[in-house]
Amino acid sequence: MDLDKIIEGCKKGNPKAQKALYDMFSDKLFGVCLRYCRSREDAQDVFQDAFVKVFNSLDKYKPFGSFESWLRRIFINQALNFYRYDKSFSHVSVDDVQIPSEEIDNESFYDKFSNQMILDSVQKLANRQRIIFNMVEIEGCSYQEVANILDVTQECIRTQNFKAKRKLRTLLSDLADKD
């Protein structure tokens, strides 16, 4: 079954088409949920709710862009909504609004860690830092896009992304020291 037929079947409520769509995208989309959520349980909740939203919103999909991108956006938005009422998003102190003067990225540093170790470390970041890190570093959103979505300043996004990368590096260094 090709994707267009699967989508049409899902719009009609066909359980086989829904299963085919789920099977086709579930691994990638659960990975998105894991990156944005603090725990596997939260990721499972977001994942389930997002798939329900997909099945209920398929009639809104316009086949002008990538279907996978459309799905991804729903899952990311569902994860953001899951944490939307976290008070750490609404309050930014003066200390938080600073543009970092140095970058700590060193790709060779991260090469020695498995994807699972990095994912586990990302999940340990504070909600705001984890979400911003994912949107900027993984999804490739600009600081302005993330600032608009989260309704905060670009400076806040830069600072929180810097803090997330610094914390991630510390978490991974601690793992390396244990080995």
C-alpha atoms as a PDB file:
ATOM      1  CA  MET A   1       0.000   0.000   0.000  1.00  0.00           C
ATOM      2  CA  ASP A   2       1.457   3.398  -0.906  1.00  0.00           C
ATOM      3  CA  LEU A   3       1.287   6.371   1.434  1.00  0.00           C
ATOM      4  CA  ASP A   4      -1.504   8.178  -0.431  1.00  0.00           C
ATOM      5  CA  LYS A   5      -3.756   5.111  -0.210  1.00  0.00           C
ATOM      6  CA  ILE A   6      -2.907   4.690   3.472  1.00  0.00           C
ATOM      7  CA  ILE A   7      -3.815   8.328   4.165  1.00  0.00           C
ATOM      8  CA  GLU A   8      -7.103   7.999   2.277  1.00  0.00           C
ATOM      9  CA  GLY A   9      -7.881   4.789   4.173  1.00  0.00           C
ATOM     10  CA  CYS A  10      -7.159   6.506   7.495  1.00  0.00           C
ATOM     11  CA  LYS A  11      -9.453   9.385   6.569  1.00  0.00           C
ATOM     12  CA  LYS A  12     -12.209   6.804   6.093  1.00  0.00           C
ATOM     13  CA  GLY A  13     -11.442   5.193   9.460  1.00  0.00           C
ATOM     14  CA  ASN A  14     -10.027   1.978   7.979  1.00  0.00           C
ATOM     15  CA  PRO A  15      -8.230   0.115  10.829  1.00  0.00           C
ATOM     16  CA  LYS A  16      -5.801  -1.609   8.417  1.00  0.00           C
ATOM     17  CA  ALA A  17      -4.759   1.743   6.973  1.00  0.00           C
ATOM     18  CA  GLN A  18      -4.363   3.193  10.470  1.00  0.00           C
ATOM     19  CA  LYS A  19      -2.168   0.250  11.468  1.00  0.00           C
ATOM     20  CA  ALA A  20      -0.108   0.653   8.285  1.00  0.00           C
ATOM     21  CA  LEU A  21       0.411   4.363   9.025  1.00  0.00           C
ATOM     22  CA  TYR A  22       1.326   3.587  12.620  1.00  0.00           C
ATOM     23  CA  ASP A  23       3.785   0.867  11.569  1.00  0.00           C
ATOM     24  CA  MET A  24       5.344   3.118   8.945  1.00  0.00           C
ATOM     25  CA  PHE A  25       6.125   6.040  11.276  1.00  0.00           C
ATOM     26  CA  SER A  26       5.914   4.868  14.897  1.00  0.00           C
ATOM     27  CA  ASP A  27       9.641   4.265  15.475  1.00  0.00           C
ATOM     28  CA  LYS A  28      10.734   7.689  14.210  1.00  0.00           C
ATOM     29  CA  LEU A  29       7.935   9.525  15.955  1.00  0.00           C
ATOM     30  CA  PHE A  30       8.466   7.765  19.268  1.00  0.00           C
ATOM     31  CA  GLY A  31      12.101   8.873  18.979  1.00  0.00           C
ATOM     32  CA  VAL A  32      10.871  12.460  18.656  1.00  0.00           C
ATOM     33  CA  CYS A  33       8.770  11.997  21.797  1.00  0.00           C
ATOM     34  CA  LEU A  34      11.706  10.514  23.710  1.00  0.00           C
ATOM     35  CA  ARG A  35      13.901  13.484  22.830  1.00  0.00           C
ATOM     36  CA  TYR A  36      11.339  16.029  23.984  1.00  0.00           C
ATOM     37  CA  CYS A  37      10.065  14.279  27.093  1.00  0.00           C
ATOM     38  CA  ARG A  38      11.693  13.865  30.475  1.00  0.00           C
ATOM     39  CA  SER A  39      10.775  10.214  30.848  1.00  0.00           C
ATOM     40  CA  ARG A  40       9.746   7.225  28.787  1.00  0.00           C
ATOM     41  CA  GLU A  41       6.313   7.334  30.446  1.00  0.00           C
ATOM     42  CA  ASP A  42       5.797  10.975  29.420  1.00  0.00           C
ATOM     43  CA  ALA A  43       6.972  10.085  25.901  1.00  0.00           C
ATOM     44  CA  GLN A  44       4.437   7.257  25.725  1.00  0.00           C
ATOM     45  CA  ASP A  45       1.628   9.610  26.795  1.00  0.00           C
ATOM     46  CA  VAL A  46       2.647  12.236  24.243  1.00  0.00           C
ATOM     47  CA  PHE A  47       3.065   9.571  21.555  1.00  0.00           C
ATOM     48  CA  GLN A  48      -0.399   8.126  22.100  1.00  0.00           C
ATOM     49  CA  ASP A  49      -2.095  11.525  22.276  1.00  0.00           C
ATOM     50  CA  ALA A  50      -0.279  12.712  19.147  1.00  0.00           C
ATOM     51  CA  PHE A  51      -1.341   9.678  17.126  1.00  0.00           C
ATOM     52  CA  VAL A  52      -4.954  10.246  18.157  1.00  0.00           C
ATOM     53  CA  LYS A  53      -4.554  13.853  17.027  1.00  0.00           C
ATOM     54  CA  VAL A  54      -3.076  12.686  13.701  1.00  0.00           C
ATOM     55  CA  PHE A  55      -5.995  10.378  12.996  1.00  0.00           C
ATOM     56  CA  ASN A  56      -8.461  13.117  13.923  1.00  0.00           C
ATOM     57  CA  SER A  57      -6.655  15.757  11.826  1.00  0.00           C
ATOM     58  CA  LEU A  58      -5.832  13.891   8.631  1.00  0.00           C
ATOM     59  CA  ASP A  59      -8.530  15.793   6.756  1.00  0.00           C
ATOM     60  CA  LYS A  60      -6.500  18.987   7.425  1.00  0.00           C
ATOM     61  CA  TYR A  61      -3.349  17.609   5.782  1.00  0.00           C
ATOM     62  CA  LYS A  62      -2.620  19.277   2.447  1.00  0.00           C
ATOM     63  CA  PRO A  63      -0.290  17.200   0.260  1.00  0.00           C
ATOM     64  CA  PHE A  64       1.935  20.172  -0.641  1.00  0.00           C
ATOM     65  CA  GLY A  65       4.773  19.302   1.699  1.00  0.00           C
ATOM     66  CA  SER A  66       6.256  16.219   3.247  1.00  0.00           C
ATOM     67  CA  PHE A  67       3.729  14.104   5.121  1.00  0.00           C
ATOM     68  CA  GLU A  68       6.449  13.041   7.551  1.00  0.00           C
ATOM     69  CA  SER A  69       7.217  16.698   8.334  1.00  0.00           C
ATOM     70  CA  TRP A  70       3.534  17.314   8.975  1.00  0.00           C
ATOM     71  CA  LEU A  71       3.433  14.328  11.352  1.00  0.00           C
ATOM     72  CA  ARG A  72       6.620  15.440  13.090  1.00  0.00           C
ATOM     73  CA  ARG A  73       5.191  18.915  13.693  1.00  0.00           C
ATOM     74  CA  ILE A  74       2.105  17.389  15.360  1.00  0.00           C
ATOM     75  CA  PHE A  75       4.275  15.247  17.636  1.00  0.00           C
ATOM     76  CA  ILE A  76       6.566  18.150  18.550  1.00  0.00           C
ATOM     77  CA  ASN A  77       3.579  20.392  19.275  1.00  0.00           C
ATOM     78  CA  GLN A  78       2.013  17.667  21.405  1.00  0.00           C
ATOM     79  CA  ALA A  79       5.240  17.393  23.414  1.00  0.00           C
ATOM     80  CA  LEU A  80       5.406  21.183  23.799  1.00  0.00           C
ATOM     81  CA  ASN A  81       1.792  21.269  24.952  1.00  0.00           C
ATOM     82  CA  PHE A  82       2.531  18.529  27.463  1.00  0.00           C
ATOM     83  CA  TYR A  83       5.006  20.887  29.177  1.00  0.00           C
ATOM     84  CA  ARG A  84       3.309  24.178  28.278  1.00  0.00           C
ATOM     85  CA  TYR A  85       2.123  24.876  31.811  1.00  0.00           C
ATOM     86  CA  ASP A  86       5.569  24.397  33.308  1.00  0.00           C
ATOM     87  CA  LYS A  87       6.260  27.645  35.162  1.00  0.00           C
ATOM     88  CA  SER A  88       9.909  27.629  34.086  1.00  0.00           C
ATOM     89  CA  PHE A  89       8.756  28.775  30.629  1.00  0.00           C
ATOM     90  CA  SER A  90       6.884  31.814  31.826  1.00  0.00           C
ATOM     91  CA  HIS A  91       9.495  33.333  34.121  1.00  0.00           C
ATOM     92  CA  VAL A  92      12.944  34.334  32.989  1.00  0.00           C
ATOM     93  CA  SER A  93      15.243  36.065  35.447  1.00  0.00           C
ATOM     94  CA  VAL A  94      17.730  38.757  34.464  1.00  0.00           C
ATOM     95  CA  ASP A  95      20.529  36.209  34.973  1.00  0.00           C
ATOM     96  CA  ASP A  96      18.986  33.977  32.320  1.00  0.00           C
ATOM     97  CA  VAL A  97      19.022  36.646  29.623  1.00  0.00           C
ATOM     98  CA  GLN A  98      22.606  36.770  28.497  1.00  0.00           C
ATOM     99  CA  ILE A  99      24.288  35.859  25.278  1.00  0.00           C
ATOM    100  CA  PRO A 100      26.893  33.179  25.921  1.00  0.00           C
ATOM    101  CA  SER A 101      30.395  34.266  24.970  1.00  0.00           C
ATOM    102  CA  GLU A 102      31.778  30.800  24.260  1.00  0.00           C
ATOM    103  CA  GLU A 103      30.569  27.629  22.622  1.00  0.00           C
ATOM    104  CA  ILE A 104      31.332  24.271  24.164  1.00  0.00           C
ATOM    105  CA  ASP A 105      30.542  22.034  21.211  1.00  0.00           C
ATOM    106  CA  ASN A 106      33.253  19.634  20.241  1.00  0.00           C
ATOM    107  CA  GLU A 107      31.907  16.900  17.985  1.00  0.00           C
ATOM    108  CA  SER A 108      34.721  14.502  18.804  1.00  0.00           C
ATOM    109  CA  PHE A 109      33.713  14.693  22.468  1.00  0.00           C
ATOM    110  CA  TYR A 110      30.252  13.310  21.648  1.00  0.00           C
ATOM    111  CA  ASP A 111      31.578  10.592  19.317  1.00  0.00           C
ATOM    112  CA  LYS A 112      32.609   8.393  22.239  1.00  0.00           C
ATOM    113  CA  PHE A 113      29.048   8.079  23.572  1.00  0.00           C
ATOM    114  CA  SER A 114      26.274   5.836  22.288  1.00  0.00           C
ATOM    115  CA  ASN A 115      23.038   7.372  21.055  1.00  0.00           C
ATOM    116  CA  GLN A 116      21.272   5.860  24.077  1.00  0.00           C
ATOM    117  CA  MET A 117      23.729   7.496  26.495  1.00  0.00           C
ATOM    118  CA  ILE A 118      23.196  10.864  24.828  1.00  0.00           C
ATOM    119  CA  LEU A 119      19.398  10.413  24.803  1.00  0.00           C
ATOM    120  CA  ASP A 120      19.409   9.455  28.494  1.00  0.00           C
ATOM    121  CA  SER A 121      21.467  12.561  29.262  1.00  0.00           C
ATOM    122  CA  VAL A 122      19.200  14.827  27.195  1.00  0.00           C
ATOM    123  CA  GLN A 123      16.206  13.505  29.142  1.00  0.00           C
ATOM    124  CA  LYS A 124      17.881  14.659  32.367  1.00  0.00           C
ATOM    125  CA  LEU A 125      17.910  18.295  31.245  1.00  0.00           C
ATOM    126  CA  ALA A 126      15.369  20.677  32.749  1.00  0.00           C
ATOM    127  CA  ASN A 127      12.157  20.832  30.696  1.00  0.00           C
ATOM    128  CA  ARG A 128      12.853  24.226  29.161  1.00  0.00           C
ATOM    129  CA  GLN A 129      16.468  23.401  28.322  1.00  0.00           C
ATOM    130  CA  ARG A 130      15.572  19.988  26.860  1.00  0.00           C
ATOM    131  CA  ILE A 131      12.838  21.390  24.638  1.00  0.00           C
ATOM    132  CA  ILE A 132      14.946  24.302  23.413  1.00  0.00           C
ATOM    133  CA  PHE A 133      17.960  22.049  22.812  1.00  0.00           C
ATOM    134  CA  ASN A 134      15.824  19.669  20.742  1.00  0.00           C
ATOM    135  CA  MET A 135      14.211  22.414  18.706  1.00  0.00           C
ATOM    136  CA  VAL A 136      17.492  24.212  17.934  1.00  0.00           C
ATOM    137  CA  GLU A 137      20.043  21.417  17.755  1.00  0.00           C
ATOM    138  CA  ILE A 138      17.980  18.439  16.564  1.00  0.00           C
ATOM    139  CA  GLU A 139      15.096  19.970  14.608  1.00  0.00           C
ATOM    140  CA  GLY A 140      17.217  22.828  13.227  1.00  0.00           C
ATOM    141  CA  CYS A 141      14.829  25.628  14.159  1.00  0.00           C
ATOM    142  CA  SER A 142      16.235  29.143  14.314  1.00  0.00           C
ATOM    143  CA  TYR A 143      16.401  31.018  17.614  1.00  0.00           C
ATOM    144  CA  GLN A 144      13.676  33.343  16.276  1.00  0.00           C
ATOM    145  CA  GLU A 145      11.360  30.430  15.395  1.00  0.00           C
ATOM    146  CA  VAL A 146      11.765  28.888  18.841  1.00  0.00           C
ATOM    147  CA  ALA A 147      11.311  32.268  20.531  1.00  0.00           C
ATOM    148  CA  ASN A 148       8.049  32.779  18.632  1.00  0.00           C
ATOM    149  CA  ILE A 149       6.762  29.293  19.447  1.00  0.00           C
ATOM    150  CA  LEU A 150       7.624  29.523  23.154  1.00  0.00           C
ATOM    151  CA  ASP A 151       6.778  33.237  23.437  1.00  0.00           C
ATOM    152  CA  VAL A 152      10.123  34.234  24.961  1.00  0.00           C
ATOM    153  CA  THR A 153      13.049  36.325  23.714  1.00  0.00           C
ATOM    154  CA  GLN A 154      15.764  35.095  21.378  1.00  0.00           C
ATOM    155  CA  GLU A 155      18.299  35.877  24.085  1.00  0.00           C
ATOM    156  CA  CYS A 156      16.480  33.529  26.431  1.00  0.00           C
ATOM    157  CA  ILE A 157      16.574  30.798  23.771  1.00  0.00           C
ATOM    158  CA  ARG A 158      20.312  31.326  23.167  1.00  0.00           C
ATOM    159  CA  THR A 159      21.048  31.255  26.869  1.00  0.00           C
ATOM    160  CA  GLN A 160      18.949  28.186  27.584  1.00  0.00           C
ATOM    161  CA  ASN A 161      20.438  26.329  24.609  1.00  0.00           C
ATOM    162  CA  PHE A 162      23.938  27.210  25.823  1.00  0.00           C
ATOM    163  CA  LYS A 163      23.070  26.025  29.340  1.00  0.00           C
ATOM    164  CA  ALA A 164      21.569  22.819  27.934  1.00  0.00           C
ATOM    165  CA  LYS A 165      24.734  22.057  25.948  1.00  0.00           C
ATOM    166  CA  ARG A 166      26.915  22.831  28.954  1.00  0.00           C
ATOM    167  CA  LYS A 167      24.792  20.593  31.227  1.00  0.00           C
ATOM    168  CA  LEU A 168      24.736  17.829  28.608  1.00  0.00           C
ATOM    169  CA  ARG A 169      28.509  17.955  28.367  1.00  0.00           C
ATOM    170  CA  THR A 170      28.779  17.756  32.171  1.00  0.00           C
ATOM    171  CA  LEU A 171      26.384  14.802  32.336  1.00  0.00           C
ATOM    172  CA  LEU A 172      28.311  12.961  29.635  1.00  0.00           C
ATOM    173  CA  SER A 173      31.676  13.779  31.211  1.00  0.00           C
ATOM    174  CA  ASP A 174      30.408  12.297  34.464  1.00  0.00           C
ATOM    175  CA  LEU A 175      29.432   9.133  32.570  1.00  0.00           C
ATOM    176  CA  ALA A 176      32.873   8.975  30.954  1.00  0.00           C
ATOM    177  CA  ASP A 177      34.553   9.361  34.354  1.00  0.00           C
ATOM    178  CA  LYS A 178      32.565   6.397  35.729  1.00  0.00           C
ATOM    179  CA  ASP A 179      33.880   4.106  32.979  1.00  0.00           C
END
